[in-house]
Amino acid sequence: MNIAGVLVHARADSSEQVAASLGRMPGLEIHARTEDHRFVVTIEEQENSVISETLLKLHTVDGVLSAAMVYQHAEPEENTATIDYPA
């Protein structure tokens, strides 16, 4: 699992439109919204490349002034399968 924390800054006149666009993006969750039109979001995906693509896509959302990744964490998937070897 890969998680990225991103700060998104929207134009004042587009804040609602940006919120709606962010809400439709797969793997993205809005955690906080400030009075000065900034959004704290996370992107959670299995592949790092998908996080990169989503971050780049944020820059193309109408009304977004900037999107900066401020945190990234990756964990390998836990292997839940076990193998029993004969004694």
PDB file of N, CA and C in Angstrom:
ATOM      1  N   MET A   1       0.850  -1.175   0.000  1.00  0.00           N
ATOM      2  CA  MET A   1       0.000   0.000   0.000  1.00  0.00           C
ATOM      3  C   MET A   1       0.891   1.231   0.000  1.00  0.00           C
ATOM      4  N   ASN A   2       0.533   2.190  -0.802  1.00  0.00           N
ATOM      5  CA  ASN A   2       1.240   3.461  -0.911  1.00  0.00           C
ATOM      6  C   ASN A   2       0.279   4.582  -0.561  1.00  0.00           C
ATOM      7  N   ILE A   3       0.741   5.485   0.289  1.00  0.00           N
ATOM      8  CA  ILE A   3      -0.091   6.613   0.717  1.00  0.00           C
ATOM      9  C   ILE A   3       0.703   7.893   0.521  1.00  0.00           C
ATOM     10  N   ALA A   4       0.059   8.881  -0.063  1.00  0.00           N
ATOM     11  CA  ALA A   4       0.676  10.193  -0.243  1.00  0.00           C
ATOM     12  C   ALA A   4      -0.230  11.250   0.358  1.00  0.00           C
ATOM     13  N   GLY A   5       0.347  12.154   1.113  1.00  0.00           N
ATOM     14  CA  GLY A   5      -0.378  13.311   1.631  1.00  0.00           C
ATOM     15  C   GLY A   5      -0.101  14.495   0.731  1.00  0.00           C
ATOM     16  N   VAL A   6      -1.155  15.173   0.323  1.00  0.00           N
ATOM     17  CA  VAL A   6      -1.018  16.255  -0.652  1.00  0.00           C
ATOM     18  C   VAL A   6      -1.772  17.482  -0.161  1.00  0.00           C
ATOM     19  N   LEU A   7      -1.160  18.654  -0.345  1.00  0.00           N
ATOM     20  CA  LEU A   7      -1.820  19.922  -0.065  1.00  0.00           C
ATOM     21  C   LEU A   7      -2.218  20.538  -1.400  1.00  0.00           C
ATOM     22  N   VAL A   8      -3.511  20.766  -1.566  1.00  0.00           N
ATOM     23  CA  VAL A   8      -4.054  21.326  -2.804  1.00  0.00           C
ATOM     24  C   VAL A   8      -4.581  22.721  -2.501  1.00  0.00           C
ATOM     25  N   HIS A   9      -4.166  23.713  -3.295  1.00  0.00           N
ATOM     26  CA  HIS A   9      -4.622  25.093  -3.127  1.00  0.00           C
ATOM     27  C   HIS A   9      -5.490  25.464  -4.328  1.00  0.00           C
ATOM     28  N   ALA A  10      -6.696  25.925  -4.029  1.00  0.00           N
ATOM     29  CA  ALA A  10      -7.646  26.258  -5.092  1.00  0.00           C
ATOM     30  C   ALA A  10      -7.866  27.773  -5.166  1.00  0.00           C
ATOM     31  N   ARG A  11      -8.273  28.231  -6.339  1.00  0.00           N
ATOM     32  CA  ARG A  11      -8.695  29.630  -6.475  1.00  0.00           C
ATOM     33  C   ARG A  11      -9.946  29.840  -5.640  1.00  0.00           C
ATOM     34  N   ALA A  12     -10.085  31.008  -5.066  1.00  0.00           N
ATOM     35  CA  ALA A  12     -11.226  31.310  -4.195  1.00  0.00           C
ATOM     36  C   ALA A  12     -12.557  31.118  -4.921  1.00  0.00           C
ATOM     37  N   ASP A  13     -12.618  31.524  -6.181  1.00  0.00           N
ATOM     38  CA  ASP A  13     -13.872  31.430  -6.929  1.00  0.00           C
ATOM     39  C   ASP A  13     -14.155  30.028  -7.456  1.00  0.00           C
ATOM     40  N   SER A  14     -13.233  29.091  -7.230  1.00  0.00           N
ATOM     41  CA  SER A  14     -13.400  27.731  -7.745  1.00  0.00           C
ATOM     42  C   SER A  14     -13.363  26.673  -6.654  1.00  0.00           C
ATOM     43  N   SER A  15     -13.376  27.081  -5.420  1.00  0.00           N
ATOM     44  CA  SER A  15     -13.187  26.151  -4.309  1.00  0.00           C
ATOM     45  C   SER A  15     -14.229  25.031  -4.296  1.00  0.00           C
ATOM     46  N   GLU A  16     -15.474  25.360  -4.514  1.00  0.00           N
ATOM     47  CA  GLU A  16     -16.533  24.340  -4.514  1.00  0.00           C
ATOM     48  C   GLU A  16     -16.383  23.384  -5.685  1.00  0.00           C
ATOM     49  N   GLN A  17     -16.046  23.911  -6.838  1.00  0.00           N
ATOM     50  CA  GLN A  17     -15.839  23.087  -8.025  1.00  0.00           C
ATOM     51  C   GLN A  17     -14.654  22.155  -7.813  1.00  0.00           C
ATOM     52  N   VAL A  18     -13.575  22.652  -7.223  1.00  0.00           N
ATOM     53  CA  VAL A  18     -12.402  21.821  -6.943  1.00  0.00           C
ATOM     54  C   VAL A  18     -12.769  20.715  -5.957  1.00  0.00           C
ATOM     55  N   ALA A  19     -13.517  21.056  -4.911  1.00  0.00           N
ATOM     56  CA  ALA A  19     -13.935  20.050  -3.920  1.00  0.00           C
ATOM     57  C   ALA A  19     -14.720  18.929  -4.602  1.00  0.00           C
ATOM     58  N   ALA A  20     -15.608  19.284  -5.491  1.00  0.00           N
ATOM     59  CA  ALA A  20     -16.404  18.278  -6.204  1.00  0.00           C
ATOM     60  C   ALA A  20     -15.509  17.409  -7.094  1.00  0.00           C
ATOM     61  N   SER A  21     -14.572  18.022  -7.786  1.00  0.00           N
ATOM     62  CA  SER A  21     -13.658  17.271  -8.650  1.00  0.00           C
ATOM     63  C   SER A  21     -12.787  16.323  -7.841  1.00  0.00           C
ATOM     64  N   LEU A  22     -12.269  16.796  -6.720  1.00  0.00           N
ATOM     65  CA  LEU A  22     -11.440  15.947  -5.866  1.00  0.00           C
ATOM     66  C   LEU A  22     -12.247  14.768  -5.344  1.00  0.00           C
ATOM     67  N   GLY A  23     -13.494  15.015  -4.986  1.00  0.00           N
ATOM     68  CA  GLY A  23     -14.351  13.962  -4.463  1.00  0.00           C
ATOM     69  C   GLY A  23     -14.641  12.849  -5.446  1.00  0.00           C
ATOM     70  N   ARG A  24     -14.481  13.120  -6.729  1.00  0.00           N
ATOM     71  CA  ARG A  24     -14.730  12.109  -7.763  1.00  0.00           C
ATOM     72  C   ARG A  24     -13.481  11.340  -8.159  1.00  0.00           C
ATOM     73  N   MET A  25     -12.329  11.719  -7.652  1.00  0.00           N
ATOM     74  CA  MET A  25     -11.086  11.059  -8.058  1.00  0.00           C
ATOM     75  C   MET A  25     -10.889   9.771  -7.266  1.00  0.00           C
ATOM     76  N   PRO A  26     -10.707   8.643  -7.963  1.00  0.00           N
ATOM     77  CA  PRO A  26     -10.519   7.372  -7.264  1.00  0.00           C
ATOM     78  C   PRO A  26      -9.232   7.366  -6.437  1.00  0.00           C
ATOM     79  N   GLY A  27      -9.329   6.806  -5.236  1.00  0.00           N
ATOM     80  CA  GLY A  27      -8.170   6.691  -4.363  1.00  0.00           C
ATOM     81  C   GLY A  27      -7.832   7.944  -3.585  1.00  0.00           C
ATOM     82  N   LEU A  28      -8.574   9.023  -3.820  1.00  0.00           N
ATOM     83  CA  LEU A  28      -8.292  10.299  -3.167  1.00  0.00           C
ATOM     84  C   LEU A  28      -9.365  10.590  -2.120  1.00  0.00           C
ATOM     85  N   GLU A  29      -8.920  11.054  -0.960  1.00  0.00           N
ATOM     86  CA  GLU A  29      -9.848  11.405   0.114  1.00  0.00           C
ATOM     87  C   GLU A  29      -9.492  12.777   0.671  1.00  0.00           C
ATOM     88  N   ILE A  30     -10.505  13.629   0.835  1.00  0.00           N
ATOM     89  CA  ILE A  30     -10.310  14.950   1.439  1.00  0.00           C
ATOM     90  C   ILE A  30     -10.411  14.785   2.950  1.00  0.00           C
ATOM     91  N   HIS A  31      -9.374  15.254   3.665  1.00  0.00           N
ATOM     92  CA  HIS A  31      -9.361  15.137   5.126  1.00  0.00           C
ATOM     93  C   HIS A  31      -9.633  16.465   5.817  1.00  0.00           C
ATOM     94  N   ALA A  32      -9.269  17.565   5.174  1.00  0.00           N
ATOM     95  CA  ALA A  32      -9.486  18.885   5.769  1.00  0.00           C
ATOM     96  C   ALA A  32      -9.586  19.922   4.666  1.00  0.00           C
ATOM     97  N   ARG A  33     -10.286  20.988   5.014  1.00  0.00           N
ATOM     98  CA  ARG A  33     -10.464  22.102   4.081  1.00  0.00           C
ATOM     99  C   ARG A  33     -10.360  23.385   4.892  1.00  0.00           C
ATOM    100  N   THR A  34      -9.540  24.318   4.455  1.00  0.00           N
ATOM    101  CA  THR A  34      -9.333  25.550   5.205  1.00  0.00           C
ATOM    102  C   THR A  34     -10.138  26.699   4.609  1.00  0.00           C
ATOM    103  N   GLU A  35     -10.236  27.758   5.378  1.00  0.00           N
ATOM    104  CA  GLU A  35     -10.971  28.944   4.914  1.00  0.00           C
ATOM    105  C   GLU A  35     -10.268  29.649   3.767  1.00  0.00           C
ATOM    106  N   ASP A  36      -8.949  29.409   3.624  1.00  0.00           N
ATOM    107  CA  ASP A  36      -8.220  30.046   2.525  1.00  0.00           C
ATOM    108  C   ASP A  36      -8.088  29.124   1.308  1.00  0.00           C
ATOM    109  N   HIS A  37      -9.043  28.189   1.176  1.00  0.00           N
ATOM    110  CA  HIS A  37      -9.221  27.376  -0.030  1.00  0.00           C
ATOM    111  C   HIS A  37      -8.103  26.361  -0.258  1.00  0.00           C
ATOM    112  N   ARG A  38      -7.635  25.778   0.829  1.00  0.00           N
ATOM    113  CA  ARG A  38      -6.640  24.703   0.746  1.00  0.00           C
ATOM    114  C   ARG A  38      -7.292  23.409   1.210  1.00  0.00           C
ATOM    115  N   PHE A  39      -6.882  22.324   0.587  1.00  0.00           N
ATOM    116  CA  PHE A  39      -7.410  21.006   0.914  1.00  0.00           C
ATOM    117  C   PHE A  39      -6.251  20.095   1.316  1.00  0.00           C
ATOM    118  N   VAL A  40      -6.436  19.369   2.389  1.00  0.00           N
ATOM    119  CA  VAL A  40      -5.492  18.329   2.775  1.00  0.00           C
ATOM    120  C   VAL A  40      -6.113  17.014   2.322  1.00  0.00           C
ATOM    121  N   VAL A  41      -5.409  16.329   1.429  1.00  0.00           N
ATOM    122  CA  VAL A  41      -5.942  15.090   0.868  1.00  0.00           C
ATOM    123  C   VAL A  41      -4.908  13.975   0.973  1.00  0.00           C
ATOM    124  N   THR A  42      -5.397  12.751   0.913  1.00  0.00           N
ATOM    125  CA  THR A  42      -4.500  11.607   0.763  1.00  0.00           C
ATOM    126  C   THR A  42      -4.873  10.866  -0.507  1.00  0.00           C
ATOM    127  N   ILE A  43      -3.857  10.252  -1.084  1.00  0.00           N
ATOM    128  CA  ILE A  43      -4.037   9.371  -2.226  1.00  0.00           C
ATOM    129  C   ILE A  43      -3.524   8.010  -1.777  1.00  0.00           C
ATOM    130  N   GLU A  44      -4.375   7.003  -1.849  1.00  0.00           N
ATOM    131  CA  GLU A  44      -3.991   5.650  -1.458  1.00  0.00           C
ATOM    132  C   GLU A  44      -4.142   4.729  -2.661  1.00  0.00           C
ATOM    133  N   GLU A  45      -3.063   4.084  -3.025  1.00  0.00           N
ATOM    134  CA  GLU A  45      -3.062   3.176  -4.179  1.00  0.00           C
ATOM    135  C   GLU A  45      -2.062   2.062  -3.943  1.00  0.00           C
ATOM    136  N   GLN A  46      -2.187   1.004  -4.695  1.00  0.00           N
ATOM    137  CA  GLN A  46      -1.244  -0.105  -4.618  1.00  0.00           C
ATOM    138  C   GLN A  46       0.075   0.230  -5.317  1.00  0.00           C
ATOM    139  N   GLU A  47      -0.010   0.931  -6.411  1.00  0.00           N
ATOM    140  CA  GLU A  47       1.166   1.223  -7.229  1.00  0.00           C
ATOM    141  C   GLU A  47       1.611   2.667  -7.080  1.00  0.00           C
ATOM    142  N   ASN A  48       2.925   2.878  -6.921  1.00  0.00           N
ATOM    143  CA  ASN A  48       3.465   4.237  -6.859  1.00  0.00           C
ATOM    144  C   ASN A  48       3.156   5.018  -8.121  1.00  0.00           C
ATOM    145  N   SER A  49       3.158   4.335  -9.263  1.00  0.00           N
ATOM    146  CA  SER A  49       2.918   5.033 -10.522  1.00  0.00           C
ATOM    147  C   SER A  49       1.515   5.641 -10.566  1.00  0.00           C
ATOM    148  N   VAL A  50       0.544   4.993  -9.939  1.00  0.00           N
ATOM    149  CA  VAL A  50      -0.821   5.523  -9.920  1.00  0.00           C
ATOM    150  C   VAL A  50      -0.874   6.782  -9.056  1.00  0.00           C
ATOM    151  N   ILE A  51      -0.141   6.788  -7.948  1.00  0.00           N
ATOM    152  CA  ILE A  51      -0.080   7.986  -7.112  1.00  0.00           C
ATOM    153  C   ILE A  51       0.533   9.130  -7.905  1.00  0.00           C
ATOM    154  N   SER A  52       1.598   8.861  -8.628  1.00  0.00           N
ATOM    155  CA  SER A  52       2.238   9.896  -9.449  1.00  0.00           C
ATOM    156  C   SER A  52       1.282  10.440 -10.501  1.00  0.00           C
ATOM    157  N   GLU A  53       0.552   9.548 -11.148  1.00  0.00           N
ATOM    158  CA  GLU A  53      -0.411   9.969 -12.165  1.00  0.00           C
ATOM    159  C   GLU A  53      -1.520  10.827 -11.553  1.00  0.00           C
ATOM    160  N   THR A  54      -2.003  10.430 -10.378  1.00  0.00           N
ATOM    161  CA  THR A  54      -3.059  11.195  -9.714  1.00  0.00           C
ATOM    162  C   THR A  54      -2.543  12.569  -9.317  1.00  0.00           C
ATOM    163  N   LEU A  55      -1.326  12.634  -8.798  1.00  0.00           N
ATOM    164  CA  LEU A  55      -0.739  13.921  -8.424  1.00  0.00           C
ATOM    165  C   LEU A  55      -0.616  14.828  -9.640  1.00  0.00           C
ATOM    166  N   LEU A  56      -0.166  14.291 -10.750  1.00  0.00           N
ATOM    167  CA  LEU A  56      -0.083  15.089 -11.983  1.00  0.00           C
ATOM    168  C   LEU A  56      -1.464  15.532 -12.438  1.00  0.00           C
ATOM    169  N   LYS A  57      -2.453  14.652 -12.296  1.00  0.00           N
ATOM    170  CA  LYS A  57      -3.820  14.983 -12.707  1.00  0.00           C
ATOM    171  C   LYS A  57      -4.393  16.129 -11.871  1.00  0.00           C
ATOM    172  N   LEU A  58      -3.989  16.207 -10.602  1.00  0.00           N
ATOM    173  CA  LEU A  58      -4.482  17.299  -9.751  1.00  0.00           C
ATOM    174  C   LEU A  58      -4.142  18.666 -10.334  1.00  0.00           C
ATOM    175  N   HIS A  59      -2.989  18.766 -11.002  1.00  0.00           N
ATOM    176  CA  HIS A  59      -2.565  20.036 -11.592  1.00  0.00           C
ATOM    177  C   HIS A  59      -3.430  20.437 -12.784  1.00  0.00           C
ATOM    178  N   THR A  60      -4.186  19.502 -13.328  1.00  0.00           N
ATOM    179  CA  THR A  60      -5.023  19.808 -14.489  1.00  0.00           C
ATOM    180  C   THR A  60      -6.468  20.115 -14.100  1.00  0.00           C
ATOM    181  N   VAL A  61      -6.810  19.965 -12.821  1.00  0.00           N
ATOM    182  CA  VAL A  61      -8.177  20.255 -12.373  1.00  0.00           C
ATOM    183  C   VAL A  61      -8.410  21.754 -12.458  1.00  0.00           C
ATOM    184  N   ASP A  62      -9.480  22.141 -13.135  1.00  0.00           N
ATOM    185  CA  ASP A  62      -9.804  23.560 -13.285  1.00  0.00           C
ATOM    186  C   ASP A  62      -9.983  24.196 -11.915  1.00  0.00           C
ATOM    187  N   GLY A  63      -9.257  25.257 -11.654  1.00  0.00           N
ATOM    188  CA  GLY A  63      -9.359  25.972 -10.386  1.00  0.00           C
ATOM    189  C   GLY A  63      -8.255  25.641  -9.392  1.00  0.00           C
ATOM    190  N   VAL A  64      -7.454  24.616  -9.675  1.00  0.00           N
ATOM    191  CA  VAL A  64      -6.348  24.272  -8.781  1.00  0.00           C
ATOM    192  C   VAL A  64      -5.149  25.163  -9.111  1.00  0.00           C
ATOM    193  N   LEU A  65      -4.644  25.853  -8.080  1.00  0.00           N
ATOM    194  CA  LEU A  65      -3.461  26.686  -8.246  1.00  0.00           C
ATOM    195  C   LEU A  65      -2.185  25.880  -8.052  1.00  0.00           C
ATOM    196  N   SER A  66      -2.205  24.959  -7.080  1.00  0.00           N
ATOM    197  CA  SER A  66      -1.031  24.127  -6.828  1.00  0.00           C
ATOM    198  C   SER A  66      -1.447  22.848  -6.115  1.00  0.00           C
ATOM    199  N   ALA A  67      -0.598  21.847  -6.256  1.00  0.00           N
ATOM    200  CA  ALA A  67      -0.778  20.579  -5.550  1.00  0.00           C
ATOM    201  C   ALA A  67       0.621  20.075  -5.213  1.00  0.00           C
ATOM    202  N   ALA A  68       0.898  19.957  -3.923  1.00  0.00           N
ATOM    203  CA  ALA A  68       2.240  19.576  -3.490  1.00  0.00           C
ATOM    204  C   ALA A  68       2.171  18.359  -2.571  1.00  0.00           C
ATOM    205  N   MET A  69       2.942  17.330  -2.921  1.00  0.00           N
ATOM    206  CA  MET A  69       3.018  16.169  -2.058  1.00  0.00           C
ATOM    207  C   MET A  69       3.897  16.535  -0.866  1.00  0.00           C
ATOM    208  N   VAL A  70       3.359  16.336   0.326  1.00  0.00           N
ATOM    209  CA  VAL A  70       4.096  16.680   1.537  1.00  0.00           C
ATOM    210  C   VAL A  70       4.450  15.451   2.365  1.00  0.00           C
ATOM    211  N   TYR A  71       3.929  14.290   1.967  1.00  0.00           N
ATOM    212  CA  TYR A  71       4.172  13.068   2.718  1.00  0.00           C
ATOM    213  C   TYR A  71       3.972  11.886   1.798  1.00  0.00           C
ATOM    214  N   GLN A  72       4.830  10.877   1.959  1.00  0.00           N
ATOM    215  CA  GLN A  72       4.658   9.644   1.193  1.00  0.00           C
ATOM    216  C   GLN A  72       5.113   8.485   2.059  1.00  0.00           C
ATOM    217  N   HIS A  73       4.324   7.421   2.058  1.00  0.00           N
ATOM    218  CA  HIS A  73       4.642   6.227   2.833  1.00  0.00           C
ATOM    219  C   HIS A  73       4.274   5.003   2.009  1.00  0.00           C
ATOM    220  N   ALA A  74       5.156   4.011   2.027  1.00  0.00           N
ATOM    221  CA  ALA A  74       4.888   2.770   1.303  1.00  0.00           C
ATOM    222  C   ALA A  74       5.160   1.598   2.230  1.00  0.00           C
ATOM    223  N   GLU A  75       4.278   0.626   2.166  1.00  0.00           N
ATOM    224  CA  GLU A  75       4.438  -0.609   2.922  1.00  0.00           C
ATOM    225  C   GLU A  75       4.255  -1.775   1.975  1.00  0.00           C
ATOM    226  N   PRO A  76       5.111  -2.790   2.122  1.00  0.00           N
ATOM    227  CA  PRO A  76       4.881  -3.979   1.306  1.00  0.00           C
ATOM    228  C   PRO A  76       3.621  -4.680   1.770  1.00  0.00           C
ATOM    229  N   GLU A  77       2.964  -5.328   0.822  1.00  0.00           N
ATOM    230  CA  GLU A  77       1.777  -6.097   1.201  1.00  0.00           C
ATOM    231  C   GLU A  77       2.201  -7.251   2.082  1.00  0.00           C
ATOM    232  N   GLU A  78       1.427  -7.483   3.121  1.00  0.00           N
ATOM    233  CA  GLU A  78       1.730  -8.607   3.987  1.00  0.00           C
ATOM    234  C   GLU A  78       1.377  -9.894   3.268  1.00  0.00           C
ATOM    235  N   ASN A  79       2.265 -10.849   3.370  1.00  0.00           N
ATOM    236  CA  ASN A  79       2.018 -12.145   2.773  1.00  0.00           C
ATOM    237  C   ASN A  79       1.218 -12.968   3.774  1.00  0.00           C
ATOM    238  N   THR A  80      -0.044 -13.166   3.489  1.00  0.00           N
ATOM    239  CA  THR A  80      -0.908 -13.885   4.422  1.00  0.00           C
ATOM    240  C   THR A  80      -0.850 -15.382   4.211  1.00  0.00           C
ATOM    241  N   ALA A  81      -0.242 -15.807   3.135  1.00  0.00           N
ATOM    242  CA  ALA A  81      -0.144 -17.245   2.872  1.00  0.00           C
ATOM    243  C   ALA A  81       0.988 -17.833   3.709  1.00  0.00           C
ATOM    244  N   THR A  82       0.746 -18.974   4.273  1.00  0.00           N
ATOM    245  CA  THR A  82       1.777 -19.670   5.029  1.00  0.00           C
ATOM    246  C   THR A  82       2.004 -21.045   4.409  1.00  0.00           C
ATOM    247  N   ILE A  83       3.207 -21.514   4.560  1.00  0.00           N
ATOM    248  CA  ILE A  83       3.553 -22.831   4.034  1.00  0.00           C
ATOM    249  C   ILE A  83       3.912 -23.709   5.211  1.00  0.00           C
ATOM    250  N   ASP A  84       3.261 -24.839   5.301  1.00  0.00           N
ATOM    251  CA  ASP A  84       3.580 -25.803   6.358  1.00  0.00           C
ATOM    252  C   ASP A  84       4.536 -26.840   5.768  1.00  0.00           C
ATOM    253  N   TYR A  85       5.710 -26.885   6.356  1.00  0.00           N
ATOM    254  CA  TYR A  85       6.703 -27.856   5.925  1.00  0.00           C
ATOM    255  C   TYR A  85       6.629 -29.079   6.823  1.00  0.00           C
ATOM    256  N   PRO A  86       6.766 -30.281   6.250  1.00  0.00           N
ATOM    257  CA  PRO A  86       6.734 -31.478   7.091  1.00  0.00           C
ATOM    258  C   PRO A  86       7.924 -31.484   8.059  1.00  0.00           C
ATOM    259  N   ALA A  87       7.690 -31.996   9.244  1.00  0.00           N
ATOM    260  CA  ALA A  87       8.746 -32.059  10.263  1.00  0.00           C
ATOM    261  C   ALA A  87       9.752 -33.129   9.961  1.00  0.00           C
TER     262      ALA A  87
END
